[in-house]
Protein backbone atom coordinates (compact mmCIF):
# COMPACT_ATOMS: atom_id res chain seq x y z
CA UNK A 1 0.00 0.00 0.00
CA UNK A 2 2.82 2.42 0.81
CA UNK A 3 4.38 1.73 -2.61
CA UNK A 4 1.13 2.73 -4.33
CA UNK A 5 0.94 5.96 -2.35
CA UNK A 6 4.60 6.73 -3.00
CA UNK A 7 4.17 6.25 -6.75
CA UNK A 8 0.88 8.19 -6.80
CA UNK A 9 2.22 11.27 -5.03
CA UNK A 10 5.75 11.01 -6.41
CA UNK A 11 4.72 10.84 -10.05
CA UNK A 12 2.46 13.88 -9.71
CA UNK A 13 5.21 15.87 -8.00
CA UNK A 14 7.83 14.88 -10.56
CA UNK A 15 5.40 15.53 -13.43
CA UNK A 16 4.72 19.09 -12.24
CA UNK A 17 8.42 19.80 -11.75
CA UNK A 18 9.43 18.42 -15.14
CA UNK A 19 6.67 20.35 -16.93
CA UNK A 20 7.80 23.55 -15.22
CA UNK A 21 11.42 22.99 -16.26
CA UNK A 22 10.32 22.06 -19.79
CA UNK A 23 8.24 25.23 -20.06
CA UNK A 24 11.13 27.39 -18.91
CA UNK A 25 13.53 25.75 -21.34
CA UNK A 26 11.11 26.32 -24.21
CA UNK A 27 10.75 30.00 -23.35
CA UNK A 28 8.74 31.94 -25.91
CA UNK A 29 8.83 29.22 -28.54
CA UNK A 30 5.64 27.36 -29.45
CA UNK A 31 5.15 26.34 -25.85
CA UNK A 32 1.52 25.27 -26.15
CA UNK A 33 2.21 22.91 -29.03
CA UNK A 34 5.32 21.45 -27.43
CA UNK A 35 3.58 20.96 -24.06
CA UNK A 36 0.71 19.27 -25.90
CA UNK A 37 3.10 16.88 -27.64
CA UNK A 38 4.76 16.13 -24.28
CA UNK A 39 1.37 15.43 -22.65
CA UNK A 40 0.30 13.25 -25.60
CA UNK A 41 3.46 11.17 -25.45
CA UNK A 42 3.33 10.70 -21.67
CA UNK A 43 -0.35 9.76 -21.79
CA UNK A 44 0.28 7.31 -24.61
CA UNK A 45 3.22 5.76 -22.75
CA UNK A 46 1.15 5.41 -19.57
CA UNK A 47 -1.62 3.69 -21.52
CA UNK A 48 0.24 1.48 -23.98
CA UNK A 49 3.31 0.70 -21.84
CA UNK A 50 1.69 -1.40 -19.11
CA UNK A 51 -0.55 -3.24 -21.57
CA UNK A 52 2.22 -4.18 -23.96
CA UNK A 53 4.81 -5.00 -21.28
CA UNK A 54 2.31 -7.18 -19.40
CA UNK A 55 1.78 -9.18 -22.57
CA UNK A 56 5.53 -9.47 -23.17
CA UNK A 57 6.08 -10.49 -19.53
CA UNK A 58 3.41 -13.18 -19.64
CA UNK A 59 4.83 -14.61 -22.87
CA UNK A 60 8.60 -14.38 -22.24
CA UNK A 61 9.16 -13.62 -18.56
CA UNK A 62 11.17 -10.84 -16.91
CA UNK A 63 14.40 -11.37 -18.84
CA UNK A 64 12.99 -9.93 -22.06
CA UNK A 65 11.57 -6.91 -20.18
CA UNK A 66 15.05 -6.12 -18.85
CA UNK A 67 16.50 -6.46 -22.35
CA UNK A 68 13.92 -3.97 -23.63
CA UNK A 69 14.76 -1.62 -20.75
CA UNK A 70 18.50 -1.77 -21.44
CA UNK A 71 17.94 -1.26 -25.17
CA UNK A 72 15.84 1.85 -24.51
CA UNK A 73 18.50 3.25 -22.18
CA UNK A 74 21.17 2.63 -24.84
CA UNK A 75 19.07 4.36 -27.51
CA UNK A 76 18.50 7.39 -25.27
CA UNK A 77 22.20 7.60 -24.37
CA UNK A 78 23.16 7.38 -28.06
CA UNK A 79 20.72 10.14 -29.01
CA UNK A 80 21.97 12.23 -26.09
CA UNK A 81 25.56 11.70 -27.22
CA UNK A 82 24.72 12.86 -30.74
CA UNK A 83 22.90 16.04 -29.69
CA UNK A 84 25.01 16.86 -26.61
CA UNK A 85 26.98 19.65 -28.30
CA UNK A 86 23.74 21.26 -29.48
CA UNK A 87 22.29 21.49 -25.97
CA UNK A 88 22.13 25.06 -24.72
CA UNK A 89 21.53 26.25 -21.18
CA UNK A 90 18.39 28.37 -20.87
CA UNK A 91 18.86 32.08 -20.31
CA UNK A 92 17.58 32.83 -16.83
CA UNK A 93 16.64 36.47 -16.25
CA UNK A 94 18.08 38.33 -13.29
CA UNK A 95 15.94 38.34 -10.19
CA UNK A 96 15.54 42.13 -10.55
CA UNK A 97 14.01 41.74 -14.02
CA UNK A 98 11.44 39.14 -12.98
CA UNK A 99 7.85 40.17 -12.36
CA UNK A 100 5.59 38.16 -10.13
PDB file of N, CA and C in Angstrom:
ATOM      1  N   UNK A   1       0.819  -1.194   0.000  1.00  0.00           N
ATOM      2  CA  UNK A   1       0.000   0.000   0.000  1.00  0.00           C
ATOM      3  C   UNK A   1       0.870   1.268   0.000  1.00  0.00           C
ATOM      4  N   UNK A   2       1.963   1.231   0.766  1.00  0.00           N
ATOM      5  CA  UNK A   2       2.823   2.418   0.808  1.00  0.00           C
ATOM      6  C   UNK A   2       3.489   2.667  -0.546  1.00  0.00           C
ATOM      7  N   UNK A   3       3.785   1.589  -1.280  1.00  0.00           N
ATOM      8  CA  UNK A   3       4.379   1.730  -2.613  1.00  0.00           C
ATOM      9  C   UNK A   3       3.411   2.451  -3.549  1.00  0.00           C
ATOM     10  N   UNK A   4       2.144   2.093  -3.471  1.00  0.00           N
ATOM     11  CA  UNK A   4       1.133   2.727  -4.328  1.00  0.00           C
ATOM     12  C   UNK A   4       1.035   4.214  -4.013  1.00  0.00           C
ATOM     13  N   UNK A   5       1.013   4.554  -2.734  1.00  0.00           N
ATOM     14  CA  UNK A   5       0.939   5.963  -2.351  1.00  0.00           C
ATOM     15  C   UNK A   5       2.193   6.724  -2.762  1.00  0.00           C
ATOM     16  N   UNK A   6       3.343   6.097  -2.607  1.00  0.00           N
ATOM     17  CA  UNK A   6       4.599   6.731  -3.002  1.00  0.00           C
ATOM     18  C   UNK A   6       4.614   7.022  -4.500  1.00  0.00           C
ATOM     19  N   UNK A   7       4.215   6.055  -5.299  1.00  0.00           N
ATOM     20  CA  UNK A   7       4.172   6.250  -6.753  1.00  0.00           C
ATOM     21  C   UNK A   7       3.125   7.296  -7.123  1.00  0.00           C
ATOM     22  N   UNK A   8       1.958   7.246  -6.476  1.00  0.00           N
ATOM     23  CA  UNK A   8       0.884   8.186  -6.803  1.00  0.00           C
ATOM     24  C   UNK A   8       1.308   9.625  -6.540  1.00  0.00           C
ATOM     25  N   UNK A   9       1.828   9.899  -5.363  1.00  0.00           N
ATOM     26  CA  UNK A   9       2.220  11.266  -5.033  1.00  0.00           C
ATOM     27  C   UNK A   9       3.540  11.655  -5.688  1.00  0.00           C
ATOM     28  N   UNK A  10       4.453  10.722  -5.804  1.00  0.00           N
ATOM     29  CA  UNK A  10       5.748  11.015  -6.408  1.00  0.00           C
ATOM     30  C   UNK A  10       5.650  11.338  -7.881  1.00  0.00           C
ATOM     31  N   UNK A  11       4.825  10.590  -8.609  1.00  0.00           N
ATOM     32  CA  UNK A  11       4.718  10.838 -10.051  1.00  0.00           C
ATOM     33  C   UNK A  11       4.073  12.183 -10.335  1.00  0.00           C
ATOM     34  N   UNK A  12       3.096  12.570  -9.520  1.00  0.00           N
ATOM     35  CA  UNK A  12       2.463  13.877  -9.709  1.00  0.00           C
ATOM     36  C   UNK A  12       3.465  14.993  -9.426  1.00  0.00           C
ATOM     37  N   UNK A  13       4.224  14.850  -8.361  1.00  0.00           N
ATOM     38  CA  UNK A  13       5.208  15.869  -8.000  1.00  0.00           C
ATOM     39  C   UNK A  13       6.292  15.984  -9.062  1.00  0.00           C
ATOM     40  N   UNK A  14       6.792  14.868  -9.523  1.00  0.00           N
ATOM     41  CA  UNK A  14       7.827  14.882 -10.557  1.00  0.00           C
ATOM     42  C   UNK A  14       7.266  15.429 -11.862  1.00  0.00           C
ATOM     43  N   UNK A  15       6.025  15.067 -12.190  1.00  0.00           N
ATOM     44  CA  UNK A  15       5.401  15.534 -13.427  1.00  0.00           C
ATOM     45  C   UNK A  15       5.278  17.055 -13.432  1.00  0.00           C
ATOM     46  N   UNK A  16       4.858  17.631 -12.330  1.00  0.00           N
ATOM     47  CA  UNK A  16       4.724  19.087 -12.240  1.00  0.00           C
ATOM     48  C   UNK A  16       6.086  19.759 -12.376  1.00  0.00           C
ATOM     49  N   UNK A  17       7.076  19.226 -11.680  1.00  0.00           N
ATOM     50  CA  UNK A  17       8.418  19.804 -11.752  1.00  0.00           C
ATOM     51  C   UNK A  17       9.014  19.728 -13.142  1.00  0.00           C
ATOM     52  N   UNK A  18       8.874  18.571 -13.792  1.00  0.00           N
ATOM     53  CA  UNK A  18       9.427  18.419 -15.139  1.00  0.00           C
ATOM     54  C   UNK A  18       8.715  19.311 -16.146  1.00  0.00           C
ATOM     55  N   UNK A  19       7.396  19.460 -16.011  1.00  0.00           N
ATOM     56  CA  UNK A  19       6.672  20.345 -16.925  1.00  0.00           C
ATOM     57  C   UNK A  19       7.077  21.801 -16.722  1.00  0.00           C
ATOM     58  N   UNK A  20       7.340  22.187 -15.488  1.00  0.00           N
ATOM     59  CA  UNK A  20       7.802  23.547 -15.219  1.00  0.00           C
ATOM     60  C   UNK A  20       9.164  23.796 -15.852  1.00  0.00           C
ATOM     61  N   UNK A  21      10.084  22.860 -15.661  1.00  0.00           N
ATOM     62  CA  UNK A  21      11.416  22.994 -16.264  1.00  0.00           C
ATOM     63  C   UNK A  21      11.311  23.013 -17.783  1.00  0.00           C
ATOM     64  N   UNK A  22      10.492  22.134 -18.340  1.00  0.00           N
ATOM     65  CA  UNK A  22      10.316  22.062 -19.791  1.00  0.00           C
ATOM     66  C   UNK A  22       9.772  23.380 -20.326  1.00  0.00           C
ATOM     67  N   UNK A  23       8.800  23.953 -19.640  1.00  0.00           N
ATOM     68  CA  UNK A  23       8.241  25.232 -20.062  1.00  0.00           C
ATOM     69  C   UNK A  23       9.258  26.356 -20.016  1.00  0.00           C
ATOM     70  N   UNK A  24      10.103  26.351 -19.000  1.00  0.00           N
ATOM     71  CA  UNK A  24      11.132  27.394 -18.906  1.00  0.00           C
ATOM     72  C   UNK A  24      12.201  27.229 -19.975  1.00  0.00           C
ATOM     73  N   UNK A  25      12.541  25.993 -20.288  1.00  0.00           N
ATOM     74  CA  UNK A  25      13.535  25.755 -21.335  1.00  0.00           C
ATOM     75  C   UNK A  25      12.989  26.189 -22.689  1.00  0.00           C
ATOM     76  N   UNK A  26      11.704  25.936 -22.931  1.00  0.00           N
ATOM     77  CA  UNK A  26      11.113  26.322 -24.212  1.00  0.00           C
ATOM     78  C   UNK A  26      11.045  27.831 -24.369  1.00  0.00           C
ATOM     79  N   UNK A  27      10.825  28.543 -23.286  1.00  0.00           N
ATOM     80  CA  UNK A  27      10.751  29.998 -23.353  1.00  0.00           C
ATOM     81  C   UNK A  27       9.561  30.455 -24.176  1.00  0.00           C
ATOM     82  N   UNK A  28       9.815  31.368 -25.109  1.00  0.00           N
ATOM     83  CA  UNK A  28       8.739  31.943 -25.911  1.00  0.00           C
ATOM     84  C   UNK A  28       8.450  31.155 -27.185  1.00  0.00           C
ATOM     85  N   UNK A  29       9.117  30.037 -27.357  1.00  0.00           N
ATOM     86  CA  UNK A  29       8.835  29.218 -28.536  1.00  0.00           C
ATOM     87  C   UNK A  29       7.426  28.651 -28.434  1.00  0.00           C
ATOM     88  N   UNK A  30       7.004  27.884 -29.396  1.00  0.00           N
ATOM     89  CA  UNK A  30       5.636  27.360 -29.446  1.00  0.00           C
ATOM     90  C   UNK A  30       5.374  26.451 -28.243  1.00  0.00           C
ATOM     91  N   UNK A  31       5.235  27.069 -27.099  1.00  0.00           N
ATOM     92  CA  UNK A  31       5.152  26.336 -25.853  1.00  0.00           C
ATOM     93  C   UNK A  31       3.880  25.498 -25.762  1.00  0.00           C
ATOM     94  N   UNK A  32       2.771  26.019 -26.211  1.00  0.00           N
ATOM     95  CA  UNK A  32       1.516  25.272 -26.148  1.00  0.00           C
ATOM     96  C   UNK A  32       1.569  23.993 -26.962  1.00  0.00           C
ATOM     97  N   UNK A  33       2.091  24.086 -28.168  1.00  0.00           N
ATOM     98  CA  UNK A  33       2.210  22.909 -29.029  1.00  0.00           C
ATOM     99  C   UNK A  33       3.170  21.891 -28.439  1.00  0.00           C
ATOM    100  N   UNK A  34       4.318  22.366 -27.973  1.00  0.00           N
ATOM    101  CA  UNK A  34       5.316  21.449 -27.428  1.00  0.00           C
ATOM    102  C   UNK A  34       4.834  20.796 -26.133  1.00  0.00           C
ATOM    103  N   UNK A  35       4.147  21.543 -25.275  1.00  0.00           N
ATOM    104  CA  UNK A  35       3.583  20.962 -24.057  1.00  0.00           C
ATOM    105  C   UNK A  35       2.504  19.945 -24.410  1.00  0.00           C
ATOM    106  N   UNK A  36       1.726  20.226 -25.449  1.00  0.00           N
ATOM    107  CA  UNK A  36       0.711  19.273 -25.896  1.00  0.00           C
ATOM    108  C   UNK A  36       1.322  17.975 -26.395  1.00  0.00           C
ATOM    109  N   UNK A  37       2.416  18.081 -27.156  1.00  0.00           N
ATOM    110  CA  UNK A  37       3.104  16.878 -27.637  1.00  0.00           C
ATOM    111  C   UNK A  37       3.673  16.090 -26.461  1.00  0.00           C
ATOM    112  N   UNK A  38       4.233  16.797 -25.471  1.00  0.00           N
ATOM    113  CA  UNK A  38       4.758  16.125 -24.277  1.00  0.00           C
ATOM    114  C   UNK A  38       3.641  15.401 -23.531  1.00  0.00           C
ATOM    115  N   UNK A  39       2.498  16.054 -23.345  1.00  0.00           N
ATOM    116  CA  UNK A  39       1.370  15.426 -22.651  1.00  0.00           C
ATOM    117  C   UNK A  39       0.829  14.232 -23.434  1.00  0.00           C
ATOM    118  N   UNK A  40       0.762  14.360 -24.760  1.00  0.00           N
ATOM    119  CA  UNK A  40       0.300  13.255 -25.600  1.00  0.00           C
ATOM    120  C   UNK A  40       1.218  12.052 -25.468  1.00  0.00           C
ATOM    121  N   UNK A  41       2.523  12.292 -25.522  1.00  0.00           N
ATOM    122  CA  UNK A  41       3.462  11.170 -25.451  1.00  0.00           C
ATOM    123  C   UNK A  41       3.464  10.519 -24.072  1.00  0.00           C
ATOM    124  N   UNK A  42       3.363  11.307 -23.003  1.00  0.00           N
ATOM    125  CA  UNK A  42       3.328  10.697 -21.672  1.00  0.00           C
ATOM    126  C   UNK A  42       2.031   9.936 -21.452  1.00  0.00           C
ATOM    127  N   UNK A  43       0.919  10.470 -21.922  1.00  0.00           N
ATOM    128  CA  UNK A  43      -0.350   9.756 -21.792  1.00  0.00           C
ATOM    129  C   UNK A  43      -0.361   8.464 -22.584  1.00  0.00           C
ATOM    130  N   UNK A  44       0.196   8.516 -23.781  1.00  0.00           N
ATOM    131  CA  UNK A  44       0.278   7.312 -24.611  1.00  0.00           C
ATOM    132  C   UNK A  44       1.176   6.261 -23.965  1.00  0.00           C
ATOM    133  N   UNK A  45       2.302   6.702 -23.415  1.00  0.00           N
ATOM    134  CA  UNK A  45       3.217   5.763 -22.753  1.00  0.00           C
ATOM    135  C   UNK A  45       2.580   5.143 -21.517  1.00  0.00           C
ATOM    136  N   UNK A  46       1.805   5.933 -20.771  1.00  0.00           N
ATOM    137  CA  UNK A  46       1.146   5.407 -19.574  1.00  0.00           C
ATOM    138  C   UNK A  46       0.003   4.461 -19.915  1.00  0.00           C
ATOM    139  N   UNK A  47      -0.537   4.577 -21.108  1.00  0.00           N
ATOM    140  CA  UNK A  47      -1.620   3.690 -21.516  1.00  0.00           C
ATOM    141  C   UNK A  47      -1.096   2.436 -22.192  1.00  0.00           C
ATOM    142  N   UNK A  48      -0.237   2.608 -23.170  1.00  0.00           N
ATOM    143  CA  UNK A  48       0.242   1.480 -23.976  1.00  0.00           C
ATOM    144  C   UNK A  48       1.329   0.685 -23.258  1.00  0.00           C
ATOM    145  N   UNK A  49       2.185   1.358 -22.501  1.00  0.00           N
ATOM    146  CA  UNK A  49       3.308   0.700 -21.837  1.00  0.00           C
ATOM    147  C   UNK A  49       2.918  -0.473 -20.961  1.00  0.00           C
ATOM    148  N   UNK A  50       2.054  -0.273 -19.970  1.00  0.00           N
ATOM    149  CA  UNK A  50       1.690  -1.400 -19.112  1.00  0.00           C
ATOM    150  C   UNK A  50       0.991  -2.533 -19.854  1.00  0.00           C
ATOM    151  N   UNK A  51       0.153  -2.190 -20.819  1.00  0.00           N
ATOM    152  CA  UNK A  51      -0.554  -3.238 -21.565  1.00  0.00           C
ATOM    153  C   UNK A  51       0.407  -4.083 -22.392  1.00  0.00           C
ATOM    154  N   UNK A  52       1.301  -3.421 -23.105  1.00  0.00           N
ATOM    155  CA  UNK A  52       2.221  -4.176 -23.956  1.00  0.00           C
ATOM    156  C   UNK A  52       3.262  -4.935 -23.135  1.00  0.00           C
ATOM    157  N   UNK A  53       3.788  -4.318 -22.084  1.00  0.00           N
ATOM    158  CA  UNK A  53       4.805  -4.998 -21.284  1.00  0.00           C
ATOM    159  C   UNK A  53       4.221  -6.140 -20.459  1.00  0.00           C
ATOM    160  N   UNK A  54       2.955  -6.049 -20.081  1.00  0.00           N
ATOM    161  CA  UNK A  54       2.307  -7.177 -19.403  1.00  0.00           C
ATOM    162  C   UNK A  54       2.202  -8.364 -20.337  1.00  0.00           C
ATOM    163  N   UNK A  55       1.861  -8.100 -21.581  1.00  0.00           N
ATOM    164  CA  UNK A  55       1.782  -9.179 -22.570  1.00  0.00           C
ATOM    165  C   UNK A  55       3.154  -9.801 -22.802  1.00  0.00           C
ATOM    166  N   UNK A  56       4.166  -8.962 -22.963  1.00  0.00           N
ATOM    167  CA  UNK A  56       5.525  -9.474 -23.171  1.00  0.00           C
ATOM    168  C   UNK A  56       5.983 -10.274 -21.954  1.00  0.00           C
ATOM    169  N   UNK A  57       5.679  -9.783 -20.757  1.00  0.00           N
ATOM    170  CA  UNK A  57       6.082 -10.485 -19.533  1.00  0.00           C
ATOM    171  C   UNK A  57       5.404 -11.846 -19.426  1.00  0.00           C
ATOM    172  N   UNK A  58       4.115 -11.898 -19.748  1.00  0.00           N
ATOM    173  CA  UNK A  58       3.406 -13.179 -19.637  1.00  0.00           C
ATOM    174  C   UNK A  58       3.876 -14.180 -20.688  1.00  0.00           C
ATOM    175  N   UNK A  59       4.370 -13.699 -21.818  1.00  0.00           N
ATOM    176  CA  UNK A  59       4.827 -14.613 -22.866  1.00  0.00           C
ATOM    177  C   UNK A  59       6.283 -15.039 -22.679  1.00  0.00           C
ATOM    178  N   UNK A  60       7.163 -14.108 -22.254  1.00  0.00           N
ATOM    179  CA  UNK A  60       8.596 -14.382 -22.243  1.00  0.00           C
ATOM    180  C   UNK A  60       9.256 -14.295 -20.871  1.00  0.00           C
ATOM    181  N   UNK A  61       8.575 -13.750 -19.888  1.00  0.00           N
ATOM    182  CA  UNK A  61       9.165 -13.620 -18.559  1.00  0.00           C
ATOM    183  C   UNK A  61       9.915 -12.309 -18.382  1.00  0.00           C
ATOM    184  N   UNK A  62      10.542 -12.125 -17.220  1.00  0.00           N
ATOM    185  CA  UNK A  62      11.167 -10.835 -16.906  1.00  0.00           C
ATOM    186  C   UNK A  62      12.457 -10.554 -17.674  1.00  0.00           C
ATOM    187  N   UNK A  63      13.117 -11.582 -18.159  1.00  0.00           N
ATOM    188  CA  UNK A  63      14.398 -11.372 -18.839  1.00  0.00           C
ATOM    189  C   UNK A  63      14.233 -10.474 -20.066  1.00  0.00           C
ATOM    190  N   UNK A  64      13.210 -10.715 -20.852  1.00  0.00           N
ATOM    191  CA  UNK A  64      12.988  -9.928 -22.065  1.00  0.00           C
ATOM    192  C   UNK A  64      12.625  -8.483 -21.721  1.00  0.00           C
ATOM    193  N   UNK A  65      11.910  -8.269 -20.613  1.00  0.00           N
ATOM    194  CA  UNK A  65      11.570  -6.909 -20.179  1.00  0.00           C
ATOM    195  C   UNK A  65      12.847  -6.130 -19.858  1.00  0.00           C
ATOM    196  N   UNK A  66      13.790  -6.787 -19.177  1.00  0.00           N
ATOM    197  CA  UNK A  66      15.051  -6.122 -18.848  1.00  0.00           C
ATOM    198  C   UNK A  66      15.868  -5.840 -20.103  1.00  0.00           C
ATOM    199  N   UNK A  67      15.799  -6.707 -21.078  1.00  0.00           N
ATOM    200  CA  UNK A  67      16.498  -6.463 -22.346  1.00  0.00           C
ATOM    201  C   UNK A  67      15.911  -5.236 -23.039  1.00  0.00           C
ATOM    202  N   UNK A  68      14.584  -5.136 -23.039  1.00  0.00           N
ATOM    203  CA  UNK A  68      13.924  -3.966 -23.629  1.00  0.00           C
ATOM    204  C   UNK A  68      14.345  -2.700 -22.884  1.00  0.00           C
ATOM    205  N   UNK A  69      14.364  -2.772 -21.562  1.00  0.00           N
ATOM    206  CA  UNK A  69      14.765  -1.620 -20.747  1.00  0.00           C
ATOM    207  C   UNK A  69      16.188  -1.173 -21.065  1.00  0.00           C
ATOM    208  N   UNK A  70      17.108  -2.117 -21.134  1.00  0.00           N
ATOM    209  CA  UNK A  70      18.502  -1.771 -21.440  1.00  0.00           C
ATOM    210  C   UNK A  70      18.647  -1.226 -22.857  1.00  0.00           C
ATOM    211  N   UNK A  71      17.886  -1.763 -23.796  1.00  0.00           N
ATOM    212  CA  UNK A  71      17.940  -1.261 -25.169  1.00  0.00           C
ATOM    213  C   UNK A  71      17.441   0.178 -25.237  1.00  0.00           C
ATOM    214  N   UNK A  72      16.359   0.482 -24.526  1.00  0.00           N
ATOM    215  CA  UNK A  72      15.844   1.847 -24.513  1.00  0.00           C
ATOM    216  C   UNK A  72      16.846   2.817 -23.887  1.00  0.00           C
ATOM    217  N   UNK A  73      17.490   2.395 -22.813  1.00  0.00           N
ATOM    218  CA  UNK A  73      18.499   3.248 -22.185  1.00  0.00           C
ATOM    219  C   UNK A  73      19.657   3.494 -23.144  1.00  0.00           C
ATOM    220  N   UNK A  74      20.083   2.468 -23.863  1.00  0.00           N
ATOM    221  CA  UNK A  74      21.170   2.630 -24.838  1.00  0.00           C
ATOM    222  C   UNK A  74      20.778   3.580 -25.962  1.00  0.00           C
ATOM    223  N   UNK A  75      19.544   3.465 -26.445  1.00  0.00           N
ATOM    224  CA  UNK A  75      19.071   4.355 -27.509  1.00  0.00           C
ATOM    225  C   UNK A  75      19.067   5.802 -27.018  1.00  0.00           C
ATOM    226  N   UNK A  76      18.546   6.027 -25.815  1.00  0.00           N
ATOM    227  CA  UNK A  76      18.501   7.386 -25.268  1.00  0.00           C
ATOM    228  C   UNK A  76      19.908   7.944 -25.077  1.00  0.00           C
ATOM    229  N   UNK A  77      20.823   7.134 -24.555  1.00  0.00           N
ATOM    230  CA  UNK A  77      22.202   7.597 -24.375  1.00  0.00           C
ATOM    231  C   UNK A  77      22.878   7.903 -25.710  1.00  0.00           C
ATOM    232  N   UNK A  78      22.595   7.113 -26.733  1.00  0.00           N
ATOM    233  CA  UNK A  78      23.163   7.383 -28.062  1.00  0.00           C
ATOM    234  C   UNK A  78      22.623   8.688 -28.634  1.00  0.00           C
ATOM    235  N   UNK A  79      21.316   8.891 -28.518  1.00  0.00           N
ATOM    236  CA  UNK A  79      20.724  10.139 -29.006  1.00  0.00           C
ATOM    237  C   UNK A  79      21.294  11.323 -28.231  1.00  0.00           C
ATOM    238  N   UNK A  80      21.415  11.169 -26.924  1.00  0.00           N
ATOM    239  CA  UNK A  80      21.969  12.233 -26.094  1.00  0.00           C
ATOM    240  C   UNK A  80      23.406  12.533 -26.495  1.00  0.00           C
ATOM    241  N   UNK A  81      24.180  11.506 -26.783  1.00  0.00           N
ATOM    242  CA  UNK A  81      25.559  11.702 -27.217  1.00  0.00           C
ATOM    243  C   UNK A  81      25.653  12.444 -28.536  1.00  0.00           C
ATOM    244  N   UNK A  82      24.709  12.194 -29.439  1.00  0.00           N
ATOM    245  CA  UNK A  82      24.718  12.858 -30.745  1.00  0.00           C
ATOM    246  C   UNK A  82      24.357  14.334 -30.608  1.00  0.00           C
ATOM    247  N   UNK A  83      23.373  14.659 -29.780  1.00  0.00           N
ATOM    248  CA  UNK A  83      22.901  16.042 -29.691  1.00  0.00           C
ATOM    249  C   UNK A  83      23.520  16.817 -28.532  1.00  0.00           C
ATOM    250  N   UNK A  84      24.457  16.223 -27.809  1.00  0.00           N
ATOM    251  CA  UNK A  84      25.013  16.862 -26.611  1.00  0.00           C
ATOM    252  C   UNK A  84      25.610  18.237 -26.904  1.00  0.00           C
ATOM    253  N   UNK A  85      26.334  18.369 -27.984  1.00  0.00           N
ATOM    254  CA  UNK A  85      26.978  19.650 -28.304  1.00  0.00           C
ATOM    255  C   UNK A  85      25.966  20.721 -28.711  1.00  0.00           C
ATOM    256  N   UNK A  86      24.772  20.300 -29.091  1.00  0.00           N
ATOM    257  CA  UNK A  86      23.740  21.263 -29.477  1.00  0.00           C
ATOM    258  C   UNK A  86      22.910  21.736 -28.291  1.00  0.00           C
ATOM    259  N   UNK A  87      23.053  21.095 -27.141  1.00  0.00           N
ATOM    260  CA  UNK A  87      22.287  21.492 -25.968  1.00  0.00           C
ATOM    261  C   UNK A  87      22.761  22.856 -25.481  1.00  0.00           C
ATOM    262  N   UNK A  88      21.815  23.706 -25.150  1.00  0.00           N
ATOM    263  CA  UNK A  88      22.129  25.060 -24.721  1.00  0.00           C
ATOM    264  C   UNK A  88      21.432  25.309 -23.387  1.00  0.00           C
ATOM    265  N   UNK A  89      22.139  25.901 -22.462  1.00  0.00           N
ATOM    266  CA  UNK A  89      21.532  26.247 -21.180  1.00  0.00           C
ATOM    267  C   UNK A  89      20.520  27.366 -21.389  1.00  0.00           C
ATOM    268  N   UNK A  90      19.373  27.307 -20.707  1.00  0.00           N
ATOM    269  CA  UNK A  90      18.385  28.372 -20.872  1.00  0.00           C
ATOM    270  C   UNK A  90      18.886  29.669 -20.255  1.00  0.00           C
ATOM    271  N   UNK A  91      18.490  30.771 -20.853  1.00  0.00           N
ATOM    272  CA  UNK A  91      18.856  32.079 -20.311  1.00  0.00           C
ATOM    273  C   UNK A  91      17.886  32.411 -19.183  1.00  0.00           C
ATOM    274  N   UNK A  92      18.403  32.527 -17.995  1.00  0.00           N
ATOM    275  CA  UNK A  92      17.578  32.832 -16.831  1.00  0.00           C
ATOM    276  C   UNK A  92      17.699  34.322 -16.551  1.00  0.00           C
ATOM    277  N   UNK A  93      16.559  35.033 -16.505  1.00  0.00           N
ATOM    278  CA  UNK A  93      16.638  36.472 -16.250  1.00  0.00           C
ATOM    279  C   UNK A  93      17.095  36.738 -14.815  1.00  0.00           C
ATOM    280  N   UNK A  94      17.677  37.926 -14.640  1.00  0.00           N
ATOM    281  CA  UNK A  94      18.078  38.332 -13.290  1.00  0.00           C
ATOM    282  C   UNK A  94      16.852  38.439 -12.405  1.00  0.00           C
ATOM    283  N   UNK A  95      17.053  38.270 -11.131  1.00  0.00           N
ATOM    284  CA  UNK A  95      15.938  38.339 -10.191  1.00  0.00           C
ATOM    285  C   UNK A  95      15.290  39.728 -10.224  1.00  0.00           C
ATOM    286  N   UNK A  96      16.067  40.764 -10.503  1.00  0.00           N
ATOM    287  CA  UNK A  96      15.537  42.126 -10.549  1.00  0.00           C
ATOM    288  C   UNK A  96      14.580  42.309 -11.721  1.00  0.00           C
ATOM    289  N   UNK A  97      14.822  41.579 -12.817  1.00  0.00           N
ATOM    290  CA  UNK A  97      14.014  41.735 -14.020  1.00  0.00           C
ATOM    291  C   UNK A  97      12.723  40.926 -13.977  1.00  0.00           C
ATOM    292  N   UNK A  98      12.604  40.023 -13.022  1.00  0.00           N
ATOM    293  CA  UNK A  98      11.436  39.141 -12.979  1.00  0.00           C
ATOM    294  C   UNK A  98      10.252  39.859 -12.356  1.00  0.00           C
ATOM    295  N   UNK A  99       9.087  39.630 -12.926  1.00  0.00           N
ATOM    296  CA  UNK A  99       7.853  40.169 -12.362  1.00  0.00           C
ATOM    297  C   UNK A  99       7.025  39.014 -11.845  1.00  0.00           C
ATOM    298  N   UNK A 100       6.386  39.230 -10.738  1.00  0.00           N
ATOM    299  CA  UNK A 100       5.589  38.157 -10.133  1.00  0.00           C
ATOM    300  C   UNK A 100       4.134  38.461 -10.212  1.00  0.00           C
TER     301      UNK A 100
END
